[in-house]
Amino acid sequence: MYEKTSDEIQTEMLEHIDNSYEKTKGYFLWDVLKGVAIGIKNLYSQLSVVSKKLDVENLTGSELDRFVLQRTGIQRRTATFATGVLTVEGNGTVEKGSFFETKGLIRFVSTETQVVEGKKDIIVQAVNAGASGNVLAGTVTEMPITITGINKCTNKLAFTGGYRAENDEELRQRYLDELQKPIVSGNKNHYILWAKEVAGVGKAKCFSLAFGANTVEVCIIGNNGLPASTELIESVQNYIDPGATGTGEGQAPAGAYCTVTTATETTINITGKIKLISGYTLEGVKEAIKKNLQIFFEEKSFDVDYISFAQISNIIFNSAGVEDYTDLVVNGGVTNIQVGVREVATLGEVTLNEF
């Protein structure tokens, strides 16, 4: 929408008034129409803002939420909470709602009440939703509020299941997929749509007749670009076809046996030498390179059948602090890395030294 200036608007109005009237600056008509033109200009500005909001590409946040919900019923997927098993020791009662945390102050809460006599496993959930709750094994060791009789706690296994909320780009793409792809009667696109309706799912693929007649495989990854957690796989399975029974108790039609799986990892290990720009440190540059590579792998996850050696080279070369590089090797070679249809590339070891 072209937005006219107040001068352009005033000039147009003056052109529609008979020349028998005095229309030069300082006279009545010119002065009056100048004020009117400014008012109309403001209306043009407001109309321009409104017209842009009719295009989903220009919307963000709550405005995007309302636009998509009103037209398709699609809602933004919320963040999910990481969960895990915590082993506590002592003699006492851990009440539901008791707090535990890491030394880094990532807090968890007990989801059940358990009487502890010596040692007991309890289920805990992260207080804050998102990936921050996916902590490593052996890190939940603190009790911020004393629990009578309980003197020790730890998690033997890493906690999983924490995924971030769906971002604007992902929500917008789901909206466009709903409108542009033929999603009907339990076809492939329908299964992909169902999978991506579950919070935490990033991308999905559908394979018909994967395990024989009347079977469907839905392969998913998390919205972190990595293989899905066991909890996420179960959530999608229960949403589409609980227990893979084909009874139509979920979204899938009766008679269609759906099995939900996740991608396997193709680890990308990188070695080489870099020349630093003056003022940068090797560790700082390496961290920047790793971050850029992780973003690249997440963007490409489940969408490509190979990882380009040239693109990895460009990412390293264009990272802050890199003047040049040499002897770059990816997974032991200098060629593209093939990625299978049920695989996702993930960043492994990055070994870079100065030259």
Protein backbone atom coordinates (compact mmCIF):
# COMPACT_ATOMS: atom_id res chain seq x y z
CA MET A 1 0.00 0.00 0.00
CA TYR A 2 1.50 3.32 -1.12
CA GLU A 3 1.49 5.83 1.72
CA LYS A 4 1.14 9.42 0.48
CA THR A 5 2.78 12.38 2.17
CA SER A 6 0.72 15.25 3.56
CA ASP A 7 2.12 17.53 0.81
CA GLU A 8 0.96 15.11 -1.89
CA ILE A 9 -2.50 14.89 -0.36
CA GLN A 10 -2.78 18.68 -0.03
CA THR A 11 -1.67 19.18 -3.63
CA GLU A 12 -4.32 16.71 -4.88
CA MET A 13 -7.08 18.48 -2.94
CA LEU A 14 -6.00 21.90 -4.21
CA GLU A 15 -6.04 20.60 -7.80
CA HIS A 16 -9.72 19.76 -7.39
CA ILE A 17 -10.63 23.32 -6.38
CA ASP A 18 -11.45 25.88 -9.06
CA ASN A 19 -8.59 28.21 -9.93
CA SER A 20 -10.83 31.21 -9.35
CA TYR A 21 -9.99 30.75 -5.65
CA GLU A 22 -6.68 31.81 -4.21
CA LYS A 23 -4.74 28.64 -3.35
CA THR A 24 -1.24 29.85 -2.58
CA LYS A 25 0.54 29.41 0.72
CA GLY A 26 -0.64 31.79 3.42
CA TYR A 27 -4.20 32.03 2.12
CA PHE A 28 -7.26 30.47 3.72
CA LEU A 29 -7.69 27.43 1.45
CA TRP A 30 -4.03 26.48 1.57
CA ASP A 31 -3.88 26.75 5.37
CA VAL A 32 -7.14 24.84 5.95
CA LEU A 33 -6.30 22.03 3.55
CA LYS A 34 -2.85 21.65 5.07
CA GLY A 35 -4.43 20.63 8.38
CA VAL A 36 -6.85 18.30 6.59
CA ALA A 37 -3.98 16.74 4.65
CA ILE A 38 -2.07 15.99 7.84
CA GLY A 39 -5.16 14.26 9.28
CA ILE A 40 -5.61 12.16 6.13
CA LYS A 41 -1.90 11.32 6.15
CA ASN A 42 -2.32 9.90 9.65
CA LEU A 43 -5.25 7.81 8.44
CA TYR A 44 -3.12 6.49 5.57
CA SER A 45 -0.46 5.47 8.11
CA GLN A 46 -3.02 3.61 10.22
CA LEU A 47 -4.50 1.91 7.15
CA SER A 48 -1.01 0.85 6.09
CA VAL A 49 -0.47 -0.81 9.47
CA VAL A 50 -3.84 -2.57 9.24
CA SER A 51 -3.25 -3.77 5.67
CA LYS A 52 0.09 -5.33 6.65
CA LYS A 53 -1.65 -7.31 9.38
CA LEU A 54 -3.72 -9.07 6.71
CA ASP A 55 -0.56 -10.87 5.58
CA VAL A 56 0.51 -13.71 7.89
CA GLU A 57 4.16 -13.10 6.95
CA ASN A 58 4.08 -9.78 8.82
CA LEU A 59 2.62 -11.11 12.06
CA THR A 60 4.43 -12.17 15.21
CA GLY A 61 3.63 -13.19 18.77
CA SER A 62 0.06 -12.99 19.99
CA GLU A 63 -1.14 -11.39 16.75
CA LEU A 64 0.12 -14.41 14.82
CA ASP A 65 -1.52 -16.72 17.39
CA ARG A 66 -4.94 -15.09 16.90
CA PHE A 67 -4.66 -14.96 13.10
CA VAL A 68 -3.77 -18.65 12.79
CA LEU A 69 -6.27 -19.84 15.41
CA GLN A 70 -9.20 -17.93 13.90
CA ARG A 71 -8.59 -19.30 10.41
CA THR A 72 -7.47 -22.88 11.03
CA GLY A 73 -7.90 -23.70 14.71
CA ILE A 74 -4.15 -24.32 14.99
CA GLN A 75 -2.67 -23.30 18.33
CA ARG A 76 0.95 -22.55 19.17
CA ARG A 77 2.61 -25.54 20.85
CA THR A 78 3.73 -24.71 24.35
CA ALA A 79 7.06 -25.59 25.96
CA THR A 80 7.24 -28.95 27.74
CA PHE A 81 8.74 -29.86 31.11
CA ALA A 82 11.76 -32.12 31.48
CA THR A 83 11.22 -35.10 33.81
CA GLY A 84 13.39 -37.77 35.33
CA VAL A 85 14.03 -40.15 38.18
CA LEU A 86 15.76 -38.85 41.29
CA THR A 87 17.27 -41.23 43.84
CA VAL A 88 16.95 -39.90 47.40
CA GLU A 89 18.53 -41.36 50.53
CA GLY A 90 17.61 -41.20 54.19
CA ASN A 91 14.59 -41.96 56.33
CA GLY A 92 11.65 -39.65 55.92
CA THR A 93 8.85 -38.58 53.60
CA VAL A 94 9.30 -36.67 50.37
CA GLU A 95 6.04 -34.82 49.87
CA LYS A 96 4.62 -34.01 46.48
CA GLY A 97 5.89 -30.51 45.68
CA SER A 98 9.28 -30.92 47.39
CA PHE A 99 12.11 -29.08 45.64
CA PHE A 100 15.48 -30.28 44.37
CA GLU A 101 18.00 -28.49 42.19
CA THR A 102 21.38 -28.48 40.49
CA LYS A 103 24.33 -26.42 41.62
CA GLY A 104 23.42 -24.15 38.72
CA LEU A 105 20.01 -23.51 40.36
CA ILE A 106 17.92 -25.43 37.84
CA ARG A 107 15.04 -26.48 40.04
CA PHE A 108 12.84 -29.58 40.01
CA VAL A 109 9.74 -30.56 41.96
CA SER A 110 8.53 -33.96 43.13
CA THR A 111 5.36 -35.09 41.37
CA GLU A 112 4.52 -37.69 44.02
CA THR A 113 4.68 -38.38 47.73
CA GLN A 114 7.05 -41.18 48.71
CA VAL A 115 8.12 -42.64 52.06
CA VAL A 116 11.89 -43.19 52.00
CA GLU A 117 13.56 -45.88 54.08
CA GLY A 118 17.19 -45.99 53.08
CA LYS A 119 16.91 -45.25 49.36
CA LYS A 120 14.00 -44.49 47.01
CA ASP A 121 13.46 -43.42 43.40
CA ILE A 122 10.97 -40.60 42.86
CA ILE A 123 9.69 -38.85 39.77
CA VAL A 124 10.51 -35.15 39.50
CA GLN A 125 9.69 -32.49 36.96
CA ALA A 126 11.44 -29.26 36.02
CA VAL A 127 9.86 -26.15 37.53
CA ASN A 128 10.44 -24.18 34.34
CA ALA A 129 9.40 -25.54 30.95
CA GLY A 130 11.92 -25.79 28.14
CA ALA A 131 15.28 -27.34 27.32
CA SER A 132 16.98 -25.96 30.45
CA GLY A 133 15.57 -28.90 32.43
CA ASN A 134 17.40 -31.48 30.30
CA VAL A 135 20.28 -31.78 32.76
CA LEU A 136 23.04 -34.37 32.75
CA ALA A 137 23.24 -37.39 35.04
CA GLY A 138 24.56 -36.73 38.52
CA THR A 139 23.78 -33.01 38.53
CA VAL A 140 20.59 -32.80 40.65
CA THR A 141 22.25 -33.00 44.05
CA GLU A 142 20.88 -30.08 46.08
CA MET A 143 17.83 -29.61 48.34
CA PRO A 144 17.07 -25.88 48.61
CA ILE A 145 14.52 -26.54 51.35
CA THR A 146 15.41 -29.10 54.02
CA ILE A 147 13.38 -32.33 53.92
CA THR A 148 13.33 -33.94 57.34
CA GLY A 149 15.28 -37.20 57.35
CA ILE A 150 16.49 -36.91 53.75
CA ASN A 151 20.21 -36.27 53.46
CA LYS A 152 21.21 -37.01 49.85
CA CYS A 153 19.83 -36.99 46.32
CA THR A 154 21.13 -37.54 42.80
CA ASN A 155 19.91 -38.44 39.33
CA LYS A 156 21.56 -41.54 37.90
CA LEU A 157 20.33 -40.75 34.40
CA ALA A 158 20.00 -37.52 32.42
CA PHE A 159 16.62 -35.79 32.45
CA THR A 160 14.78 -35.51 29.15
CA GLY A 161 11.55 -34.26 27.63
CA GLY A 162 12.08 -30.51 27.97
CA TYR A 163 11.37 -28.72 24.69
CA ARG A 164 11.01 -25.03 23.91
CA ALA A 165 7.75 -23.46 22.79
CA GLU A 166 6.98 -23.31 19.09
CA ASN A 167 8.48 -20.18 17.54
CA ASP A 168 6.78 -17.82 15.10
CA GLU A 169 8.45 -19.33 12.03
CA GLU A 170 7.35 -22.86 12.94
CA LEU A 171 3.77 -21.81 13.69
CA ARG A 172 3.56 -19.83 10.46
CA GLN A 173 4.85 -22.82 8.48
CA ARG A 174 2.27 -25.15 10.05
CA TYR A 175 -0.43 -22.66 9.07
CA LEU A 176 0.83 -22.56 5.48
CA ASP A 177 1.09 -26.35 5.35
CA GLU A 178 -2.53 -26.61 6.46
CA LEU A 179 -3.63 -24.36 3.60
CA GLN A 180 -1.29 -25.45 0.85
CA LYS A 181 -0.83 -29.20 1.25
CA PRO A 182 -3.58 -31.77 0.58
CA ILE A 183 -4.36 -32.96 4.12
CA VAL A 184 -7.32 -35.34 3.93
CA SER A 185 -8.57 -38.75 5.03
CA GLY A 186 -5.45 -39.97 6.78
CA ASN A 187 -3.04 -39.42 3.90
CA LYS A 188 0.70 -38.93 4.48
CA ASN A 189 0.38 -35.20 5.06
CA HIS A 190 -2.32 -35.88 7.64
CA TYR A 191 -0.01 -38.05 9.73
CA ILE A 192 2.72 -35.38 9.53
CA LEU A 193 0.20 -32.75 10.63
CA TRP A 194 -0.91 -34.87 13.61
CA ALA A 195 2.68 -35.44 14.70
CA LYS A 196 3.52 -31.75 14.53
CA GLU A 197 0.49 -30.87 16.65
CA VAL A 198 2.25 -32.41 19.67
CA ALA A 199 4.33 -29.97 21.72
CA GLY A 200 8.05 -30.55 21.27
CA VAL A 201 7.96 -32.06 17.78
CA GLY A 202 10.13 -30.25 15.27
CA LYS A 203 9.72 -32.19 12.02
CA ALA A 204 8.11 -35.44 10.93
CA LYS A 205 8.12 -37.86 8.02
CA CYS A 206 5.54 -40.46 7.10
CA PHE A 207 6.29 -43.88 5.57
CA SER A 208 3.32 -45.88 4.36
CA LEU A 209 3.28 -49.71 4.51
CA ALA A 210 6.50 -49.54 6.54
CA PHE A 211 5.78 -52.79 8.41
CA GLY A 212 3.32 -54.45 6.06
CA ALA A 213 -0.27 -53.93 4.94
CA ASN A 214 -2.28 -51.27 6.81
CA THR A 215 0.80 -49.97 8.66
CA VAL A 216 2.22 -46.48 8.85
CA GLU A 217 5.48 -45.27 10.34
CA VAL A 218 5.80 -41.69 11.55
CA CYS A 219 9.42 -40.72 12.18
CA ILE A 220 9.93 -37.55 14.24
CA ILE A 221 12.64 -35.32 15.67
CA GLY A 222 12.43 -32.76 18.47
CA ASN A 223 12.28 -29.02 17.88
CA ASN A 224 15.93 -28.88 18.92
CA GLY A 225 16.86 -30.68 15.69
CA LEU A 226 17.83 -33.86 17.56
CA PRO A 227 16.29 -37.33 17.87
CA ALA A 228 13.12 -37.21 19.97
CA SER A 229 13.11 -38.27 23.61
CA THR A 230 11.27 -41.41 24.72
CA GLU A 231 8.62 -39.21 26.34
CA LEU A 232 8.02 -37.27 23.14
CA ILE A 233 7.76 -40.46 21.07
CA GLU A 234 5.18 -41.80 23.53
CA SER A 235 3.21 -38.55 23.42
CA VAL A 236 2.99 -38.64 19.63
CA GLN A 237 2.16 -42.35 19.65
CA ASN A 238 -0.67 -41.81 22.12
CA TYR A 239 -2.01 -38.89 20.11
CA ILE A 240 -2.04 -40.65 16.73
CA ASP A 241 -2.61 -44.35 17.58
CA PRO A 242 -2.33 -45.34 21.26
CA GLY A 243 -0.43 -48.60 21.56
CA ALA A 244 -0.24 -48.91 17.76
CA THR A 245 -3.46 -50.95 17.93
CA GLY A 246 -5.13 -49.54 14.84
CA THR A 247 -8.45 -49.25 16.68
CA GLY A 248 -9.01 -45.60 15.85
CA GLU A 249 -8.68 -44.44 19.46
CA GLY A 250 -6.35 -41.61 18.40
CA GLN A 251 -6.27 -39.33 15.38
CA ALA A 252 -5.49 -42.14 12.92
CA PRO A 253 -8.47 -43.88 11.29
CA ALA A 254 -9.49 -47.35 12.45
CA GLY A 255 -7.57 -50.10 10.66
CA ALA A 256 -4.39 -48.07 10.25
CA TYR A 257 -1.60 -49.31 12.54
CA CYS A 258 0.73 -46.39 13.20
CA THR A 259 4.15 -46.76 14.84
CA VAL A 260 6.00 -43.62 15.92
CA THR A 261 9.81 -43.71 15.74
CA THR A 262 12.60 -41.17 15.82
CA ALA A 263 15.60 -40.48 13.64
CA THR A 264 19.01 -41.90 14.37
CA GLU A 265 22.03 -39.63 14.61
CA THR A 266 24.69 -39.15 11.97
CA THR A 267 27.46 -37.54 13.99
CA ILE A 268 29.60 -34.96 12.20
CA ASN A 269 33.17 -34.69 13.56
CA ILE A 270 35.34 -31.83 12.34
CA THR A 271 39.09 -31.24 12.54
CA GLY A 272 41.27 -28.53 11.04
CA LYS A 273 43.40 -25.49 11.63
CA ILE A 274 42.35 -21.85 11.74
CA LYS A 275 44.19 -18.55 11.61
CA LEU A 276 42.81 -16.02 14.08
CA ILE A 277 42.18 -12.34 13.53
CA SER A 278 44.14 -10.23 15.99
CA GLY A 279 42.29 -9.73 19.27
CA TYR A 280 40.38 -13.03 19.23
CA THR A 281 41.09 -16.10 21.37
CA LEU A 282 41.07 -19.67 20.12
CA GLU A 283 38.49 -20.84 22.67
CA GLY A 284 36.16 -17.95 21.94
CA VAL A 285 36.34 -18.52 18.20
CA LYS A 286 35.82 -22.27 18.59
CA GLU A 287 32.66 -21.65 20.63
CA ALA A 288 31.37 -19.26 17.96
CA ILE A 289 32.06 -21.84 15.25
CA LYS A 290 30.29 -24.58 17.21
CA LYS A 291 27.25 -22.37 17.75
CA ASN A 292 27.07 -21.50 14.04
CA LEU A 293 27.42 -25.15 13.05
CA GLN A 294 24.70 -26.23 15.50
CA ILE A 295 22.34 -23.64 14.04
CA PHE A 296 23.16 -24.90 10.54
CA PHE A 297 22.55 -28.55 11.45
CA GLU A 298 19.27 -27.69 13.16
CA GLU A 299 18.07 -25.78 10.10
CA LYS A 300 18.98 -28.67 7.79
CA SER A 301 17.76 -31.45 10.07
CA PHE A 302 15.45 -33.94 8.38
CA ASP A 303 15.33 -31.84 5.20
CA VAL A 304 18.49 -32.86 3.34
CA ASP A 305 20.08 -36.12 2.21
CA TYR A 306 23.64 -34.89 2.70
CA ILE A 307 25.61 -32.31 4.66
CA SER A 308 27.71 -30.15 2.37
CA PHE A 309 31.44 -30.05 3.02
CA ALA A 310 31.56 -26.66 1.27
CA GLN A 311 28.86 -25.20 3.52
CA ILE A 312 30.70 -26.36 6.64
CA SER A 313 33.85 -24.71 5.25
CA ASN A 314 31.98 -21.45 4.65
CA ILE A 315 30.50 -21.45 8.16
CA ILE A 316 33.95 -21.83 9.69
CA PHE A 317 35.51 -19.21 7.41
CA ASN A 318 32.70 -16.68 8.06
CA SER A 319 32.65 -17.13 11.85
CA ALA A 320 33.78 -14.14 13.90
CA GLY A 321 37.52 -14.10 14.49
CA VAL A 322 38.54 -16.42 11.62
CA GLU A 323 40.97 -15.01 9.10
CA ASP A 324 41.62 -18.29 7.26
CA TYR A 325 41.54 -22.07 7.66
CA THR A 326 43.40 -25.11 6.36
CA ASP A 327 43.52 -28.91 6.60
CA LEU A 328 39.76 -29.14 7.15
CA VAL A 329 38.50 -32.72 7.50
CA VAL A 330 34.89 -33.77 8.09
CA ASN A 331 34.32 -37.33 9.31
CA GLY A 332 37.76 -38.29 8.10
CA GLY A 333 37.39 -36.92 4.59
CA VAL A 334 36.83 -33.88 2.40
CA THR A 335 33.53 -34.87 0.79
CA ASN A 336 29.84 -34.39 1.54
CA ILE A 337 28.38 -36.52 4.34
CA GLN A 338 25.38 -38.60 3.32
CA VAL A 339 22.35 -38.52 5.63
CA GLY A 340 19.74 -41.28 5.42
CA VAL A 341 16.02 -40.64 5.15
CA ARG A 342 15.55 -41.64 8.79
CA GLU A 343 18.74 -39.95 10.02
CA VAL A 344 19.56 -36.49 11.34
CA ALA A 345 22.99 -34.88 11.32
CA THR A 346 24.31 -33.75 14.69
CA LEU A 347 27.51 -31.97 15.65
CA GLY A 348 30.13 -34.17 17.30
CA GLU A 349 33.73 -33.27 18.13
CA VAL A 350 35.13 -30.02 16.77
CA THR A 351 38.93 -30.02 16.98
CA LEU A 352 40.47 -26.79 15.70
CA ASN A 353 44.00 -25.59 16.34
CA GLU A 354 45.87 -22.44 15.33
CA PHE A 355 48.33 -22.22 12.48
